Structures are given as structure tokens and as C-alpha cells.
Amino acid sequence: MRTAFIVHDCSNDSLLRFTQTKLLFDAKNKGVDFFKNIVTVSTYAMAEEQYTHGDVILETGDFLTSKFSKSVIPKYSRDSEHVIKFDKNIPIDFKGRYYAPGSKQLYIIENLLKVCINSKKLVYLDNNESPISNYYNAKHLYGLASGWKTARYALSGNFDTITVYDYNERQLEFSKYLHSNSTLPKEVDVRSPTSGEYNPPTDMIDNWHIWHKMPVKFEVINLFDSPVFPENSLVWISNVFRYEPTIFIYGYEKTVDAKNRLQEMNKNSIIVK
């Protein structure tokens, strides 16, 4: 498991969160599966103590480009030409733009901030979900409002209660609207921001009338509030804890802690991605 050690030797916490986030997402906000873990330390000596072969030691403000992982991986990011440096004295925030127009730094920052702003109201018309590979024996189902996976879980099991949840109320309302239809509409009119295209898969079209008749509750739930679900629940969380805006807003450590806390407080339930 490759670890990135960030030497955080400044007081710029927003830049630290930015550095953590961009180790997991590239300049165009696409997920990068290069590092499995991120550890923040205050000195190079602390990083050296934990370092194992294949890890990378960098500093707050180092952005590793896509070419970094495709070249010979150095121990220190400073030894690579595929690193874009960000000023440790400049914050990454929504209040102003501090880098020159046309600069690589400004391009990367603005892409990230746009995603963060849109995420609060973004409606996913589709979702890149993995297929259901396991079937679970649970009494209660809690599934996210985006995409089709919650309906697929509901159709594959025999649950006493079904709850569609999300922290994004627009996404929740869209899911509620679709469920209210006995057949899936051929087209939908959803104001921006949206993501993906509305193109229901065949299995959903064929079985929607069954999903429509199921009693479903729709509830606003933020997983970062550490909710406790009823015992013997199946809870689908998707990529909530590896979502770019979430990691930037909360920071990598708080995101990992929130995930661990959710699992700890729901030991008698099944939490799946």
C-alpha cells in the first residue's frame, strides 16, 4: 500500500487540505488511485521514520501531475520534474483568486472550487455504480438518492423498511419524483447543475413499476453527522468518503475519522460501498 507523507511545515491549513485532495484527484477532478493512504507530519524526520519503499514524501503545496505516477517514482517529490508548486503563503479559498490568469495553479484551483460549489446542489442524472455482487439478509435498507443502486438493492431483497437518503435535498427530491411515477419518464427537465445523462438502464425500466409500489421514505441524512441506523440495516454509502469536495472541505484525516466512526457506531449493520 503506497503512502504519501505530507510534510506540513506551514500554517496554511487550506493548502494542506488542497494537497491531500489533489493526491486523490487530478487537475480535471478525475479520481486517481495511486496512493492508498495519506499521512501528514510536521517534519521530514517524522516522514523518514515511517517511510517504506515505494512511498513518496512531499510538502504542503506540492501537486503531483499525471506524469508523476508514470515515471520513475522518487522518494521525494522535490526530485521530480512532474510537480507543480503552490505558494505556502497563499490560501485556497472561495474569497479570491491569487494566482495569475492562465497559470496552471489557477486552472487546478478553479476546477476544484467549481466542483465544491456545485456539489451542494448537483443532481446526478446517472451514476457510475458497480453492479450488485452480493445479496444481504437485512431488515432495513438505507440507500443514497443518486443513481439506480438503491432501487436495485430494494428489488433484490425483502426489507421491512426502505429509506432513500442524501444530504443534497435537490438529489433527494429528484429521486422522490422518479419514484412517484409508475413508469420511468422518457425525459426529465432538471435545472443545472447536473451530472451525467438521464438514460435509465433496461432493468430499471422493466422493474420500475415494482419499485414504484414499494413504500419508501425519503430522508435528509449527512453521514458526517455519524447517524446510528436501526440494527440489521444495509447501508449503501457509495463513495461519500472519497468524494473530492468532501475531502477538501473536511480534510483527509477528518474524512477517514468520520468513516471509521460511522462503522464503529453501526456495528450491527452492514455498510457497503
Protein backbone atom coordinates (compact mmCIF):
# COMPACT_ATOMS: atom_id res chain seq x y z
CA MET A 1 0.00 0.00 0.00
CA ARG A 2 1.68 3.20 -1.21
CA THR A 3 1.57 6.07 1.28
CA ALA A 4 2.04 9.77 0.66
CA PHE A 5 3.72 11.61 3.51
CA ILE A 6 2.96 15.33 3.51
CA VAL A 7 5.43 17.44 5.46
CA HIS A 8 3.20 20.22 6.72
CA ASP A 9 5.66 22.85 7.87
CA CYS A 10 3.45 25.92 7.49
CA SER A 11 0.20 27.27 8.95
CA ASN A 12 -1.77 27.16 5.70
CA ASP A 13 -4.45 24.56 6.52
CA SER A 14 -6.46 25.22 3.35
CA LEU A 15 -3.39 24.44 1.26
CA LEU A 16 -2.86 21.25 3.25
CA ARG A 17 -6.44 20.14 2.52
CA PHE A 18 -5.89 21.04 -1.13
CA THR A 19 -2.67 18.99 -1.25
CA GLN A 20 -4.41 16.00 0.34
CA THR A 21 -7.35 16.25 -2.05
CA LYS A 22 -5.25 16.51 -5.19
CA LEU A 23 -3.29 13.38 -4.28
CA LEU A 24 -6.58 11.56 -4.90
CA PHE A 25 -7.94 13.64 -7.81
CA ASP A 26 -6.17 15.07 -10.84
CA ALA A 27 -6.30 18.58 -12.32
CA LYS A 28 -9.56 17.78 -14.11
CA ASN A 29 -11.15 16.28 -10.98
CA LYS A 30 -10.82 12.68 -12.06
CA GLY A 31 -10.13 10.15 -9.31
CA VAL A 32 -6.55 8.88 -9.05
CA ASP A 33 -5.88 5.52 -7.42
CA PHE A 34 -2.15 5.96 -6.86
CA PHE A 35 -1.95 6.42 -3.09
CA LYS A 36 -3.85 4.22 -0.66
CA ASN A 37 -3.05 6.30 2.39
CA ILE A 38 -2.06 9.87 3.26
CA VAL A 39 -0.13 10.75 6.41
CA THR A 40 0.54 14.34 7.46
CA VAL A 41 3.64 15.01 9.54
CA SER A 42 5.37 18.17 10.70
CA THR A 43 8.97 17.26 9.79
CA TYR A 44 10.94 15.29 7.25
CA ALA A 45 12.38 13.24 10.12
CA MET A 46 8.91 12.01 11.08
CA ALA A 47 8.23 11.02 7.48
CA GLU A 48 11.55 9.19 7.27
CA GLU A 49 10.72 7.13 10.36
CA GLN A 50 7.57 5.73 8.73
CA TYR A 51 8.75 5.56 5.12
CA THR A 52 8.83 2.24 3.27
CA HIS A 53 9.98 1.58 -0.28
CA GLY A 54 7.52 2.96 -2.85
CA ASP A 55 6.14 5.72 -0.62
CA VAL A 56 6.52 9.39 -1.54
CA ILE A 57 7.48 12.28 0.73
CA LEU A 58 6.21 15.69 -0.38
CA GLU A 59 5.45 19.08 1.10
CA THR A 60 2.26 21.04 1.55
CA GLY A 61 1.63 22.76 -1.77
CA ASP A 62 3.11 20.04 -3.99
CA PHE A 63 0.77 18.98 -6.79
CA LEU A 64 1.85 15.76 -8.49
CA THR A 65 0.90 15.79 -12.17
CA SER A 66 -0.40 12.75 -14.03
CA LYS A 67 3.11 12.18 -15.42
CA PHE A 68 4.49 11.70 -11.91
CA SER A 69 2.98 8.24 -11.47
CA LYS A 70 4.03 7.20 -14.97
CA SER A 71 7.70 7.96 -14.44
CA VAL A 72 10.31 6.54 -12.08
CA ILE A 73 8.82 7.23 -8.64
CA PRO A 74 11.27 9.19 -6.47
CA LYS A 75 11.35 9.08 -2.69
CA TYR A 76 10.94 12.86 -2.55
CA SER A 77 8.60 14.83 -4.78
CA ARG A 78 11.25 17.57 -4.94
CA ASP A 79 13.35 15.22 -7.07
CA SER A 80 10.70 15.03 -9.81
CA GLU A 81 10.08 17.47 -12.63
CA HIS A 82 6.43 16.49 -12.66
CA VAL A 83 5.41 18.62 -9.68
CA ILE A 84 3.59 21.96 -9.67
CA LYS A 85 4.40 24.09 -6.64
CA PHE A 86 1.82 26.19 -4.81
CA ASP A 87 2.86 29.07 -2.58
CA LYS A 88 2.68 28.13 1.11
CA ASN A 89 1.59 31.66 2.00
CA ILE A 90 -1.42 31.72 -0.33
CA PRO A 91 -4.72 30.19 0.86
CA ILE A 92 -7.03 28.07 -1.26
CA ASP A 93 -10.45 29.54 -0.62
CA PHE A 94 -13.62 30.90 -2.19
CA LYS A 95 -12.86 34.53 -1.38
CA GLY A 96 -10.33 35.37 -4.07
CA ARG A 97 -8.07 34.20 -6.86
CA TYR A 98 -4.44 34.79 -6.01
CA TYR A 99 -2.63 33.24 -8.98
CA ALA A 100 -2.13 34.80 -12.40
CA PRO A 101 -4.78 34.21 -15.09
CA GLY A 102 -3.69 31.39 -17.37
CA SER A 103 -1.42 29.81 -14.76
CA LYS A 104 -1.56 26.09 -14.07
CA GLN A 105 -2.16 26.80 -10.42
CA LEU A 106 -5.26 28.90 -11.09
CA TYR A 107 -6.64 26.30 -13.52
CA ILE A 108 -6.34 23.50 -10.94
CA ILE A 109 -7.79 25.60 -8.11
CA GLU A 110 -10.76 26.87 -10.09
CA ASN A 111 -11.66 23.37 -11.26
CA LEU A 112 -11.69 22.18 -7.65
CA LEU A 113 -13.67 25.11 -6.29
CA LYS A 114 -16.29 24.82 -9.05
CA VAL A 115 -16.83 21.17 -8.10
CA CYS A 116 -17.16 22.12 -4.43
CA ILE A 117 -19.70 24.88 -5.14
CA ASN A 118 -21.77 22.73 -7.49
CA SER A 119 -21.74 19.69 -5.18
CA LYS A 120 -24.20 21.29 -2.77
CA LYS A 121 -26.89 21.41 -5.45
CA LEU A 122 -25.64 18.93 -8.03
CA VAL A 123 -28.19 16.40 -9.28
CA TYR A 124 -26.76 13.16 -10.65
CA LEU A 125 -28.94 12.04 -13.53
CA ASP A 126 -26.92 8.85 -13.67
CA ASN A 127 -24.15 7.31 -11.62
CA ASN A 128 -21.19 5.07 -12.40
CA GLU A 129 -22.09 2.31 -9.99
CA SER A 130 -20.61 -1.11 -9.64
CA PRO A 131 -23.15 -3.94 -10.06
CA ILE A 132 -24.59 -5.64 -7.01
CA SER A 133 -22.27 -8.56 -6.42
CA ASN A 134 -23.61 -9.71 -3.04
CA TYR A 135 -27.10 -10.07 -1.66
CA TYR A 136 -27.60 -9.27 2.00
CA ASN A 137 -30.05 -10.51 4.59
CA ALA A 138 -31.05 -7.31 6.36
CA LYS A 139 -34.28 -5.88 7.76
CA HIS A 140 -33.78 -2.26 6.75
CA LEU A 141 -32.35 -0.65 3.63
CA TYR A 142 -30.77 2.81 3.55
CA GLY A 143 -29.56 3.84 0.11
CA LEU A 144 -28.34 7.05 -1.47
CA ALA A 145 -30.64 9.02 -3.74
CA SER A 146 -28.28 9.17 -6.72
CA GLY A 147 -28.32 6.61 -9.47
CA TRP A 148 -30.15 3.29 -9.52
CA LYS A 149 -28.39 1.15 -6.97
CA THR A 150 -30.79 1.73 -4.08
CA ALA A 151 -33.69 0.55 -6.22
CA ARG A 152 -31.65 -2.47 -7.29
CA TYR A 153 -30.94 -3.38 -3.68
CA ALA A 154 -34.62 -2.99 -2.84
CA LEU A 155 -35.67 -5.20 -5.73
CA SER A 156 -33.12 -7.86 -4.80
CA GLY A 157 -34.14 -8.22 -1.16
CA ASN A 158 -37.05 -8.42 1.24
CA PHE A 159 -36.69 -5.43 3.54
CA ASP A 160 -39.10 -4.35 6.28
CA THR A 161 -38.33 -0.69 5.61
CA ILE A 162 -36.68 1.19 2.76
CA THR A 163 -35.21 4.68 3.14
CA VAL A 164 -33.66 6.75 0.38
CA TYR A 165 -31.33 9.33 1.91
CA ASP A 166 -28.96 12.09 0.89
CA TYR A 167 -27.57 15.32 2.31
CA ASN A 168 -28.33 17.02 -1.01
CA GLU A 169 -32.03 17.94 -0.95
CA ARG A 170 -32.23 18.51 -4.71
CA GLN A 171 -30.95 14.97 -5.32
CA LEU A 172 -33.45 13.64 -2.81
CA GLU A 173 -36.34 15.47 -4.44
CA PHE A 174 -35.35 14.17 -7.88
CA SER A 175 -35.29 10.60 -6.58
CA LYS A 176 -38.64 11.13 -4.91
CA TYR A 177 -40.09 12.48 -8.14
CA LEU A 178 -38.90 9.47 -10.13
CA HIS A 179 -40.30 7.06 -7.54
CA SER A 180 -43.70 8.77 -7.72
CA ASN A 181 -44.03 7.68 -11.36
CA SER A 182 -45.40 4.22 -12.08
CA THR A 183 -43.16 4.11 -15.15
CA LEU A 184 -39.94 5.99 -15.72
CA PRO A 185 -40.42 9.18 -17.73
CA LYS A 186 -38.73 9.23 -21.11
CA GLU A 187 -37.28 12.67 -20.42
CA VAL A 188 -36.69 14.83 -17.36
CA ASP A 189 -36.32 18.57 -17.01
CA VAL A 190 -33.84 19.33 -14.24
CA ARG A 191 -32.16 22.70 -13.93
CA SER A 192 -28.39 22.81 -13.66
CA PRO A 193 -26.08 21.92 -12.09
CA THR A 194 -26.47 18.30 -13.16
CA SER A 195 -24.08 15.45 -13.83
CA GLY A 196 -24.36 12.70 -16.43
CA GLU A 197 -27.23 11.94 -18.77
CA TYR A 198 -30.67 10.65 -17.95
CA ASN A 199 -30.62 7.26 -19.60
CA PRO A 200 -32.36 4.63 -17.44
CA PRO A 201 -30.95 1.10 -17.81
CA THR A 202 -33.18 -1.66 -19.12
CA ASP A 203 -33.54 -3.48 -15.80
CA MET A 204 -34.85 -0.32 -14.17
CA ILE A 205 -37.31 0.38 -16.95
CA ASP A 206 -38.64 -3.18 -16.75
CA ASN A 207 -38.95 -3.29 -12.96
CA TRP A 208 -39.79 0.30 -12.12
CA HIS A 209 -43.46 -0.46 -11.52
CA ILE A 210 -42.40 -2.78 -8.68
CA TRP A 211 -40.08 -0.17 -7.15
CA HIS A 212 -42.82 2.45 -7.52
CA LYS A 213 -45.24 0.37 -5.39
CA MET A 214 -42.74 -0.16 -2.58
CA PRO A 215 -43.27 2.05 0.49
CA VAL A 216 -40.20 4.27 0.58
CA LYS A 217 -39.22 7.04 2.98
CA PHE A 218 -37.06 9.92 1.80
CA GLU A 219 -34.84 11.49 4.42
CA VAL A 220 -32.07 14.08 4.60
CA ILE A 221 -29.07 12.39 6.25
CA ASN A 222 -25.47 13.58 6.38
CA LEU A 223 -23.12 10.68 7.07
CA PHE A 224 -20.65 13.11 8.63
CA ASP A 225 -23.16 13.57 11.46
CA SER A 226 -22.47 9.93 12.44
CA PRO A 227 -26.09 8.71 12.26
CA VAL A 228 -26.99 5.50 14.04
CA PHE A 229 -29.12 3.29 11.80
CA PRO A 230 -31.57 0.66 13.07
CA GLU A 231 -29.96 -2.64 13.91
CA ASN A 232 -29.61 -5.04 10.99
CA SER A 233 -29.65 -2.34 8.33
CA LEU A 234 -28.00 -2.47 4.93
CA VAL A 235 -26.49 0.98 4.33
CA TRP A 236 -25.15 1.88 0.89
CA ILE A 237 -22.69 4.79 1.19
CA SER A 238 -21.07 4.71 -2.29
CA ASN A 239 -18.01 6.98 -2.48
CA VAL A 240 -19.18 9.56 0.08
CA PHE A 241 -15.90 9.32 1.98
CA ARG A 242 -13.78 9.52 -1.16
CA TYR A 243 -15.60 12.44 -2.76
CA GLU A 244 -13.46 15.37 -3.86
CA PRO A 245 -15.48 18.24 -2.33
CA THR A 246 -15.82 16.32 0.94
CA ILE A 247 -12.09 15.72 1.30
CA PHE A 248 -11.26 19.35 0.51
CA ILE A 249 -13.85 20.77 2.89
CA TYR A 250 -13.18 18.43 5.82
CA GLY A 251 -9.61 17.31 5.17
CA TYR A 252 -8.33 13.78 4.67
CA GLU A 253 -7.99 12.87 8.37
CA LYS A 254 -11.46 14.06 9.34
CA THR A 255 -12.94 12.21 6.37
CA VAL A 256 -11.26 8.95 7.39
CA ASP A 257 -12.29 9.51 11.03
CA ALA A 258 -15.91 10.09 10.00
CA LYS A 259 -15.96 6.84 8.02
CA ASN A 260 -14.44 4.88 10.91
CA ARG A 261 -16.85 6.49 13.38
CA LEU A 262 -19.84 5.59 11.21
CA GLN A 263 -18.72 1.96 11.07
CA GLU A 264 -18.00 1.87 14.80
CA MET A 265 -21.45 3.25 15.69
CA ASN A 266 -23.23 0.82 13.35
CA LYS A 267 -21.51 -2.47 14.16
CA ASN A 268 -24.82 -4.33 13.95
CA SER A 269 -25.48 -3.16 10.41
CA ILE A 270 -23.88 -3.80 7.03
CA ILE A 271 -22.22 -0.80 5.39
CA VAL A 272 -21.34 -1.22 1.72
CA LYS A 273 -19.74 0.96 -0.94
